[in-house]
Amino acid sequence: MQCPWRALAGARDVWCKCRAEGARVPKILIADDDPHIRNVIRFALARDGHATIEAANGAAALALATGEAPDLLILDVMMPEMDGTELCRRLRRDSDVPIIFLSSRDEEFDRVLGLELGGDDYMTKPFSPRELVARVRALLRRREGRVAGSPDAAPVPLRRGALSLDADRFEARWSGHPIPLTVTEFRLLQALAARPGRVFTRDALMAAAHADARIVADRTIDSHVRHLRAKLAAVGASPIGTVHGLGYRYRDDG
């Protein structure tokens, strides 16, 4: 087993290198009432060059999320004072910050509920710290509008009728009205709007939204699309059509 002091020194070296090179250090909020889990996540993220802030309950996490403006949140579903799903619901009123849920429950209903409320990813305990770090990287990379494998590539703004998508600023608008989307919802809409009329299977849509090629249940994909449609409807738009038995497509007349 690696000496914890050596691991801490390695984390410090990564952080110092990022600072020396002028790179911005992503700040991650870890919210879990189990101090051991917070420690595991903190060390894993620090070794990957991330700064972290922590909360032991939902109320404290909400205060930190509001005051510290973290780049990503890792939320335990079951926390005292305010659970992770309620915290996510409140944050989604005016924030599109990426959220990863952690839970000891592996029921499909719980995963779908977390995604319905605006979560971007869901992992069950016990989890692999390395996999969690990989998912954090993927969400941060997509939020920055970068293409995997070419981090310096500048994303091209997309306009499709009343819809405008700016991946560089991570902004979606319909006739000038802002649409608050999660990372996954933004990528789904971007994939559909880039090829209007094309029918996307659920697998093709999630391949566009997730760079790590994970396997996602059909109900999870449908939940993302349903949530995306609701946000579009709130600004008077309905461009996403269903092709029964196949998948979804973007309609220019929406």
C-alpha atoms as a PDB file:
ATOM      1  CA  MET A   1       0.000   0.000   0.000  1.00  0.00           C
ATOM      2  CA  GLN A   2       1.301   3.443  -0.882  1.00  0.00           C
ATOM      3  CA  CYS A   3       2.305   5.617   2.021  1.00  0.00           C
ATOM      4  CA  PRO A   4      -0.375   8.298   2.571  1.00  0.00           C
ATOM      5  CA  TRP A   5       2.310  10.957   3.021  1.00  0.00           C
ATOM      6  CA  ARG A   6       3.762  10.056  -0.358  1.00  0.00           C
ATOM      7  CA  ALA A   7       0.302  10.242  -1.921  1.00  0.00           C
ATOM      8  CA  LEU A   8      -0.203  13.651  -0.346  1.00  0.00           C
ATOM      9  CA  ALA A   9       3.162  14.816  -1.674  1.00  0.00           C
ATOM     10  CA  GLY A  10       2.221  13.593  -5.144  1.00  0.00           C
ATOM     11  CA  ALA A  11      -1.041  15.496  -4.975  1.00  0.00           C
ATOM     12  CA  ARG A  12       0.831  18.627  -3.901  1.00  0.00           C
ATOM     13  CA  ASP A  13       3.266  18.245  -6.806  1.00  0.00           C
ATOM     14  CA  VAL A  14       0.424  17.971  -9.338  1.00  0.00           C
ATOM     15  CA  TRP A  15      -1.291  21.025  -7.868  1.00  0.00           C
ATOM     16  CA  CYS A  16       1.947  23.042  -7.868  1.00  0.00           C
ATOM     17  CA  LYS A  17       2.647  22.074 -11.475  1.00  0.00           C
ATOM     18  CA  CYS A  18      -0.795  23.282 -12.550  1.00  0.00           C
ATOM     19  CA  ARG A  19      -0.227  26.551 -10.705  1.00  0.00           C
ATOM     20  CA  ALA A  20       3.240  26.992 -12.196  1.00  0.00           C
ATOM     21  CA  GLU A  21       1.929  26.440 -15.720  1.00  0.00           C
ATOM     22  CA  GLY A  22      -0.837  28.979 -15.190  1.00  0.00           C
ATOM     23  CA  ALA A  23      -3.588  26.406 -15.540  1.00  0.00           C
ATOM     24  CA  ARG A  24      -6.804  26.939 -13.637  1.00  0.00           C
ATOM     25  CA  VAL A  25      -7.276  24.301 -10.931  1.00  0.00           C
ATOM     26  CA  PRO A  26     -10.849  22.901 -11.038  1.00  0.00           C
ATOM     27  CA  LYS A  27     -12.666  23.107  -7.714  1.00  0.00           C
ATOM     28  CA  ILE A  28     -14.829  20.134  -6.735  1.00  0.00           C
ATOM     29  CA  LEU A  29     -17.394  20.097  -3.930  1.00  0.00           C
ATOM     30  CA  ILE A  30     -17.584  16.757  -2.102  1.00  0.00           C
ATOM     31  CA  ALA A  31     -20.770  16.366  -0.041  1.00  0.00           C
ATOM     32  CA  ASP A  32     -21.077  13.177   2.014  1.00  0.00           C
ATOM     33  CA  ASP A  33     -21.763  12.550   5.690  1.00  0.00           C
ATOM     34  CA  ASP A  34     -19.147   9.769   5.807  1.00  0.00           C
ATOM     35  CA  PRO A  35     -15.719  11.323   6.535  1.00  0.00           C
ATOM     36  CA  HIS A  36     -13.910   8.207   5.250  1.00  0.00           C
ATOM     37  CA  ILE A  37     -15.562   8.522   1.833  1.00  0.00           C
ATOM     38  CA  ARG A  38     -14.737  12.227   1.718  1.00  0.00           C
ATOM     39  CA  ASN A  39     -11.103  11.445   2.485  1.00  0.00           C
ATOM     40  CA  VAL A  40     -10.904   8.805  -0.266  1.00  0.00           C
ATOM     41  CA  ILE A  41     -12.416  11.151  -2.841  1.00  0.00           C
ATOM     42  CA  ARG A  42     -10.285  14.096  -1.714  1.00  0.00           C
ATOM     43  CA  PHE A  43      -7.021  12.180  -2.140  1.00  0.00           C
ATOM     44  CA  ALA A  44      -8.076  10.759  -5.521  1.00  0.00           C
ATOM     45  CA  LEU A  45      -9.058  14.186  -6.862  1.00  0.00           C
ATOM     46  CA  ALA A  46      -6.018  15.943  -5.394  1.00  0.00           C
ATOM     47  CA  ARG A  47      -3.694  13.479  -7.117  1.00  0.00           C
ATOM     48  CA  ASP A  48      -5.411  14.374 -10.389  1.00  0.00           C
ATOM     49  CA  GLY A  49      -4.819  18.091  -9.852  1.00  0.00           C
ATOM     50  CA  HIS A  50      -8.207  19.182  -8.489  1.00  0.00           C
ATOM     51  CA  ALA A  51      -8.877  21.430  -5.520  1.00  0.00           C
ATOM     52  CA  THR A  52     -11.673  20.295  -3.210  1.00  0.00           C
ATOM     53  CA  ILE A  53     -14.098  21.725  -0.681  1.00  0.00           C
ATOM     54  CA  GLU A  54     -16.218  19.536   1.573  1.00  0.00           C
ATOM     55  CA  ALA A  55     -19.548  19.372   3.345  1.00  0.00           C
ATOM     56  CA  ALA A  56     -20.945  16.769   5.733  1.00  0.00           C
ATOM     57  CA  ASN A  57     -24.619  17.553   5.113  1.00  0.00           C
ATOM     58  CA  GLY A  58     -26.890  18.960   2.446  1.00  0.00           C
ATOM     59  CA  ALA A  59     -27.444  22.361   4.025  1.00  0.00           C
ATOM     60  CA  ALA A  60     -23.710  23.011   4.304  1.00  0.00           C
ATOM     61  CA  ALA A  61     -23.238  21.790   0.728  1.00  0.00           C
ATOM     62  CA  LEU A  62     -25.880  24.221  -0.550  1.00  0.00           C
ATOM     63  CA  ALA A  63     -24.132  27.107   1.190  1.00  0.00           C
ATOM     64  CA  LEU A  64     -20.762  26.126  -0.286  1.00  0.00           C
ATOM     65  CA  ALA A  65     -22.205  25.581  -3.764  1.00  0.00           C
ATOM     66  CA  THR A  66     -23.752  29.039  -3.648  1.00  0.00           C
ATOM     67  CA  GLY A  67     -20.784  30.856  -2.131  1.00  0.00           C
ATOM     68  CA  GLU A  68     -17.787  29.053  -3.616  1.00  0.00           C
ATOM     69  CA  ALA A  69     -19.047  28.388  -7.190  1.00  0.00           C
ATOM     70  CA  PRO A  70     -17.413  24.946  -7.596  1.00  0.00           C
ATOM     71  CA  ASP A  71     -16.820  23.527 -11.079  1.00  0.00           C
ATOM     72  CA  LEU A  72     -18.459  20.202 -10.218  1.00  0.00           C
ATOM     73  CA  LEU A  73     -20.370  18.615  -7.335  1.00  0.00           C
ATOM     74  CA  ILE A  74     -20.160  15.064  -5.990  1.00  0.00           C
ATOM     75  CA  LEU A  75     -23.290  14.511  -3.896  1.00  0.00           C
ATOM     76  CA  ASP A  76     -24.249  11.638  -1.640  1.00  0.00           C
ATOM     77  CA  VAL A  77     -27.943  10.914  -2.118  1.00  0.00           C
ATOM     78  CA  MET A  78     -28.638  10.221   1.573  1.00  0.00           C
ATOM     79  CA  MET A  79     -27.368  13.100   3.729  1.00  0.00           C
ATOM     80  CA  PRO A  80     -28.677  14.714   6.936  1.00  0.00           C
ATOM     81  CA  GLU A  81     -30.501  18.069   6.912  1.00  0.00           C
ATOM     82  CA  MET A  82     -31.009  17.957   3.139  1.00  0.00           C
ATOM     83  CA  ASP A  83     -30.560  14.951   0.865  1.00  0.00           C
ATOM     84  CA  GLY A  84     -28.682  15.051  -2.404  1.00  0.00           C
ATOM     85  CA  THR A  85     -31.774  14.970  -4.618  1.00  0.00           C
ATOM     86  CA  GLU A  86     -33.331  17.987  -2.892  1.00  0.00           C
ATOM     87  CA  LEU A  87     -30.016  19.817  -3.087  1.00  0.00           C
ATOM     88  CA  CYS A  88     -29.827  19.066  -6.811  1.00  0.00           C
ATOM     89  CA  ARG A  89     -33.390  20.294  -7.300  1.00  0.00           C
ATOM     90  CA  ARG A  90     -32.583  23.616  -5.650  1.00  0.00           C
ATOM     91  CA  LEU A  91     -29.337  24.100  -7.541  1.00  0.00           C
ATOM     92  CA  ARG A  92     -30.973  23.411 -10.884  1.00  0.00           C
ATOM     93  CA  ARG A  93     -33.207  26.440 -10.475  1.00  0.00           C
ATOM     94  CA  ASP A  94     -30.371  28.655 -11.690  1.00  0.00           C
ATOM     95  CA  SER A  95     -27.244  26.547 -12.140  1.00  0.00           C
ATOM     96  CA  ASP A  96     -25.980  24.067 -14.731  1.00  0.00           C
ATOM     97  CA  VAL A  97     -22.956  22.941 -12.680  1.00  0.00           C
ATOM     98  CA  PRO A  98     -22.199  19.237 -13.364  1.00  0.00           C
ATOM     99  CA  ILE A  99     -23.433  16.900 -10.616  1.00  0.00           C
ATOM    100  CA  ILE A 100     -22.402  13.308  -9.900  1.00  0.00           C
ATOM    101  CA  PHE A 101     -24.599  11.394  -7.457  1.00  0.00           C
ATOM    102  CA  LEU A 102     -23.200   8.769  -5.093  1.00  0.00           C
ATOM    103  CA  SER A 103     -25.531   6.239  -3.501  1.00  0.00           C
ATOM    104  CA  SER A 104     -25.513   2.892  -1.719  1.00  0.00           C
ATOM    105  CA  ARG A 105     -28.689   2.029  -3.645  1.00  0.00           C
ATOM    106  CA  ASP A 106     -28.433   0.526  -7.119  1.00  0.00           C
ATOM    107  CA  GLU A 107     -32.120   0.511  -8.006  1.00  0.00           C
ATOM    108  CA  GLU A 108     -32.960   1.738 -11.497  1.00  0.00           C
ATOM    109  CA  PHE A 109     -35.682   3.977 -10.054  1.00  0.00           C
ATOM    110  CA  ASP A 110     -33.111   5.827  -7.936  1.00  0.00           C
ATOM    111  CA  ARG A 111     -30.735   6.291 -10.871  1.00  0.00           C
ATOM    112  CA  VAL A 112     -33.513   7.577 -13.108  1.00  0.00           C
ATOM    113  CA  LEU A 113     -34.805   9.909 -10.379  1.00  0.00           C
ATOM    114  CA  GLY A 114     -31.356  11.420  -9.907  1.00  0.00           C
ATOM    115  CA  LEU A 115     -31.028  12.049 -13.635  1.00  0.00           C
ATOM    116  CA  GLU A 116     -34.593  13.370 -13.897  1.00  0.00           C
ATOM    117  CA  LEU A 117     -33.772  15.981 -11.282  1.00  0.00           C
ATOM    118  CA  GLY A 118     -30.813  17.216 -13.321  1.00  0.00           C
ATOM    119  CA  GLY A 119     -27.902  15.020 -12.269  1.00  0.00           C
ATOM    120  CA  ASP A 120     -25.303  14.284 -14.940  1.00  0.00           C
ATOM    121  CA  ASP A 121     -24.002  10.961 -13.615  1.00  0.00           C
ATOM    122  CA  TYR A 122     -24.719   8.358 -10.925  1.00  0.00           C
ATOM    123  CA  MET A 123     -22.358   5.953  -9.193  1.00  0.00           C
ATOM    124  CA  THR A 124     -23.141   3.316  -6.573  1.00  0.00           C
ATOM    125  CA  LYS A 125     -21.127   2.577  -3.442  1.00  0.00           C
ATOM    126  CA  PRO A 126     -18.660   0.992  -3.135  1.00  0.00           C
ATOM    127  CA  PHE A 127     -17.090   2.716  -6.120  1.00  0.00           C
ATOM    128  CA  SER A 128     -13.679   2.871  -7.753  1.00  0.00           C
ATOM    129  CA  PRO A 129     -11.937   6.192  -6.967  1.00  0.00           C
ATOM    130  CA  ARG A 130     -10.120   5.962 -10.307  1.00  0.00           C
ATOM    131  CA  GLU A 131     -13.400   5.568 -12.178  1.00  0.00           C
ATOM    132  CA  LEU A 132     -14.891   8.495 -10.275  1.00  0.00           C
ATOM    133  CA  VAL A 133     -11.920  10.672 -11.240  1.00  0.00           C
ATOM    134  CA  ALA A 134     -12.312   9.592 -14.885  1.00  0.00           C
ATOM    135  CA  ARG A 135     -15.972  10.603 -14.834  1.00  0.00           C
ATOM    136  CA  VAL A 136     -15.097  13.934 -13.224  1.00  0.00           C
ATOM    137  CA  ARG A 137     -12.567  14.570 -15.989  1.00  0.00           C
ATOM    138  CA  ALA A 138     -15.097  13.705 -18.700  1.00  0.00           C
ATOM    139  CA  LEU A 139     -17.777  16.008 -17.293  1.00  0.00           C
ATOM    140  CA  LEU A 140     -15.357  18.903 -16.853  1.00  0.00           C
ATOM    141  CA  ARG A 141     -13.981  18.399 -20.353  1.00  0.00           C
ATOM    142  CA  ARG A 142     -17.436  18.400 -21.891  1.00  0.00           C
ATOM    143  CA  ARG A 143     -18.470  21.452 -19.887  1.00  0.00           C
ATOM    144  CA  GLU A 144     -15.463  23.326 -21.241  1.00  0.00           C
ATOM    145  CA  GLY A 145     -16.664  22.469 -24.732  1.00  0.00           C
ATOM    146  CA  ARG A 146     -13.533  20.547 -25.632  1.00  0.00           C
ATOM    147  CA  VAL A 147     -13.342  17.543 -27.894  1.00  0.00           C
ATOM    148  CA  ALA A 148     -11.740  14.467 -26.331  1.00  0.00           C
ATOM    149  CA  GLY A 149      -8.247  13.981 -27.711  1.00  0.00           C
ATOM    150  CA  SER A 150      -7.841  17.594 -28.841  1.00  0.00           C
ATOM    151  CA  PRO A 151      -8.104  19.769 -25.740  1.00  0.00           C
ATOM    152  CA  ASP A 152      -7.106  22.938 -27.528  1.00  0.00           C
ATOM    153  CA  ALA A 153      -9.769  22.687 -30.231  1.00  0.00           C
ATOM    154  CA  ALA A 154     -12.191  25.627 -30.101  1.00  0.00           C
ATOM    155  CA  PRO A 155     -15.839  24.566 -30.370  1.00  0.00           C
ATOM    156  CA  VAL A 156     -17.873  26.153 -33.151  1.00  0.00           C
ATOM    157  CA  PRO A 157     -21.138  27.868 -32.118  1.00  0.00           C
ATOM    158  CA  LEU A 158     -24.159  26.142 -33.639  1.00  0.00           C
ATOM    159  CA  ARG A 159     -27.280  27.919 -34.905  1.00  0.00           C
ATOM    160  CA  ARG A 160     -30.369  26.073 -36.063  1.00  0.00           C
ATOM    161  CA  GLY A 161     -33.353  28.343 -36.625  1.00  0.00           C
ATOM    162  CA  ALA A 162     -34.337  29.861 -33.267  1.00  0.00           C
ATOM    163  CA  LEU A 163     -31.823  27.653 -31.450  1.00  0.00           C
ATOM    164  CA  SER A 164     -28.282  28.773 -30.699  1.00  0.00           C
ATOM    165  CA  LEU A 165     -25.698  26.641 -28.889  1.00  0.00           C
ATOM    166  CA  ASP A 166     -22.390  28.068 -27.743  1.00  0.00           C
ATOM    167  CA  ALA A 167     -20.228  25.206 -26.466  1.00  0.00           C
ATOM    168  CA  ASP A 168     -17.374  27.585 -25.617  1.00  0.00           C
ATOM    169  CA  ARG A 169     -19.594  29.409 -23.113  1.00  0.00           C
ATOM    170  CA  PHE A 170     -21.824  26.404 -22.522  1.00  0.00           C
ATOM    171  CA  GLU A 171     -24.950  28.442 -23.329  1.00  0.00           C
ATOM    172  CA  ALA A 172     -28.170  27.365 -25.008  1.00  0.00           C
ATOM    173  CA  ARG A 173     -30.790  29.871 -26.194  1.00  0.00           C
ATOM    174  CA  TRP A 174     -34.097  29.751 -28.046  1.00  0.00           C
ATOM    175  CA  SER A 175     -35.097  33.037 -29.723  1.00  0.00           C
ATOM    176  CA  GLY A 176     -32.713  34.726 -27.323  1.00  0.00           C
ATOM    177  CA  HIS A 177     -34.187  33.106 -24.209  1.00  0.00           C
ATOM    178  CA  PRO A 178     -31.612  31.182 -22.118  1.00  0.00           C
ATOM    179  CA  ILE A 179     -32.203  27.466 -21.514  1.00  0.00           C
ATOM    180  CA  PRO A 180     -30.540  26.123 -18.331  1.00  0.00           C
ATOM    181  CA  LEU A 181     -29.199  22.705 -19.367  1.00  0.00           C
ATOM    182  CA  THR A 182     -27.048  20.124 -17.645  1.00  0.00           C
ATOM    183  CA  VAL A 183     -23.882  18.943 -19.389  1.00  0.00           C
ATOM    184  CA  THR A 184     -25.584  15.796 -20.665  1.00  0.00           C
ATOM    185  CA  GLU A 185     -28.684  17.651 -21.869  1.00  0.00           C
ATOM    186  CA  PHE A 186     -26.521  20.193 -23.701  1.00  0.00           C
ATOM    187  CA  ARG A 187     -24.585  17.445 -25.480  1.00  0.00           C
ATOM    188  CA  LEU A 188     -27.761  15.601 -26.450  1.00  0.00           C
ATOM    189  CA  LEU A 189     -29.296  18.739 -27.929  1.00  0.00           C
ATOM    190  CA  GLN A 190     -26.028  19.586 -29.661  1.00  0.00           C
ATOM    191  CA  ALA A 191     -25.850  16.147 -31.280  1.00  0.00           C
ATOM    192  CA  LEU A 192     -29.457  16.308 -32.494  1.00  0.00           C
ATOM    193  CA  ALA A 193     -29.290  19.887 -33.782  1.00  0.00           C
ATOM    194  CA  ALA A 194     -26.024  19.273 -35.631  1.00  0.00           C
ATOM    195  CA  ARG A 195     -27.797  16.734 -37.887  1.00  0.00           C
ATOM    196  CA  PRO A 196     -31.411  17.910 -38.308  1.00  0.00           C
ATOM    197  CA  GLY A 197     -33.714  15.234 -39.688  1.00  0.00           C
ATOM    198  CA  ARG A 198     -31.352  12.373 -38.879  1.00  0.00           C
ATOM    199  CA  VAL A 199     -32.794   9.710 -36.614  1.00  0.00           C
ATOM    200  CA  PHE A 200     -30.518   9.017 -33.638  1.00  0.00           C
ATOM    201  CA  THR A 201     -30.827   5.739 -31.810  1.00  0.00           C
ATOM    202  CA  ARG A 202     -30.546   5.919 -28.037  1.00  0.00           C
ATOM    203  CA  ASP A 203     -27.081   4.365 -28.205  1.00  0.00           C
ATOM    204  CA  ALA A 204     -25.935   6.952 -30.752  1.00  0.00           C
ATOM    205  CA  LEU A 205     -27.238   9.798 -28.612  1.00  0.00           C
ATOM    206  CA  MET A 206     -25.455   8.634 -25.495  1.00  0.00           C
ATOM    207  CA  ALA A 207     -22.254   8.028 -27.452  1.00  0.00           C
ATOM    208  CA  ALA A 208     -22.438  11.705 -28.408  1.00  0.00           C
ATOM    209  CA  ALA A 209     -23.106  12.783 -24.823  1.00  0.00           C
ATOM    210  CA  HIS A 210     -20.613  10.537 -23.023  1.00  0.00           C
ATOM    211  CA  ALA A 211     -16.990  10.316 -24.127  1.00  0.00           C
ATOM    212  CA  ASP A 212     -16.313   7.267 -21.958  1.00  0.00           C
ATOM    213  CA  ALA A 213     -18.637   4.979 -23.979  1.00  0.00           C
ATOM    214  CA  ARG A 214     -20.473   3.688 -20.931  1.00  0.00           C
ATOM    215  CA  ILE A 215     -23.545   1.463 -21.288  1.00  0.00           C
ATOM    216  CA  VAL A 216     -26.705   3.329 -20.281  1.00  0.00           C
ATOM    217  CA  ALA A 217     -30.209   1.887 -19.928  1.00  0.00           C
ATOM    218  CA  ASP A 218     -32.887   3.006 -22.400  1.00  0.00           C
ATOM    219  CA  ARG A 219     -34.991   4.415 -19.546  1.00  0.00           C
ATOM    220  CA  THR A 220     -32.080   6.601 -18.480  1.00  0.00           C
ATOM    221  CA  ILE A 221     -31.707   8.003 -22.002  1.00  0.00           C
ATOM    222  CA  ASP A 222     -35.448   8.633 -22.244  1.00  0.00           C
ATOM    223  CA  SER A 223     -35.304  10.459 -18.902  1.00  0.00           C
ATOM    224  CA  HIS A 224     -32.607  12.804 -20.199  1.00  0.00           C
ATOM    225  CA  VAL A 225     -34.621  13.525 -23.356  1.00  0.00           C
ATOM    226  CA  ARG A 226     -37.839  14.045 -21.368  1.00  0.00           C
ATOM    227  CA  HIS A 227     -36.093  16.534 -19.091  1.00  0.00           C
ATOM    228  CA  LEU A 228     -34.554  18.299 -22.108  1.00  0.00           C
ATOM    229  CA  ARG A 229     -37.953  18.561 -23.801  1.00  0.00           C
ATOM    230  CA  ALA A 230     -39.489  20.089 -20.671  1.00  0.00           C
ATOM    231  CA  LYS A 231     -36.832  22.805 -20.585  1.00  0.00           C
ATOM    232  CA  LEU A 232     -37.310  23.541 -24.280  1.00  0.00           C
ATOM    233  CA  ALA A 233     -41.083  23.676 -23.818  1.00  0.00           C
ATOM    234  CA  ALA A 234     -40.600  26.277 -21.078  1.00  0.00           C
ATOM    235  CA  VAL A 235     -39.292  28.685 -23.748  1.00  0.00           C
ATOM    236  CA  GLY A 236     -41.929  27.696 -26.305  1.00  0.00           C
ATOM    237  CA  ALA A 237     -39.885  25.159 -28.265  1.00  0.00           C
ATOM    238  CA  SER A 238     -40.549  21.540 -29.257  1.00  0.00           C
ATOM    239  CA  PRO A 239     -37.896  20.606 -31.837  1.00  0.00           C
ATOM    240  CA  ILE A 240     -37.224  17.035 -30.667  1.00  0.00           C
ATOM    241  CA  GLY A 241     -39.386  14.450 -32.380  1.00  0.00           C
ATOM    242  CA  THR A 242     -39.778  10.761 -31.551  1.00  0.00           C
ATOM    243  CA  VAL A 243     -39.437   8.102 -34.237  1.00  0.00           C
ATOM    244  CA  HIS A 244     -41.169   5.154 -32.609  1.00  0.00           C
ATOM    245  CA  GLY A 245     -39.080   2.029 -32.466  1.00  0.00           C
ATOM    246  CA  LEU A 246     -35.925   3.884 -33.497  1.00  0.00           C
ATOM    247  CA  GLY A 247     -35.085   6.972 -31.467  1.00  0.00           C
ATOM    248  CA  TYR A 248     -35.173  10.755 -31.767  1.00  0.00           C
ATOM    249  CA  ARG A 249     -34.563  13.461 -34.346  1.00  0.00           C
ATOM    250  CA  TYR A 250     -34.317  17.245 -34.504  1.00  0.00           C
ATOM    251  CA  ARG A 251     -37.071  19.025 -36.467  1.00  0.00           C
ATOM    252  CA  ASP A 252     -36.314  22.397 -37.987  1.00  0.00           C
ATOM    253  CA  ASP A 253     -39.992  23.285 -37.709  1.00  0.00           C
ATOM    254  CA  GLY A 254     -39.986  22.795 -33.914  1.00  0.00           C
END
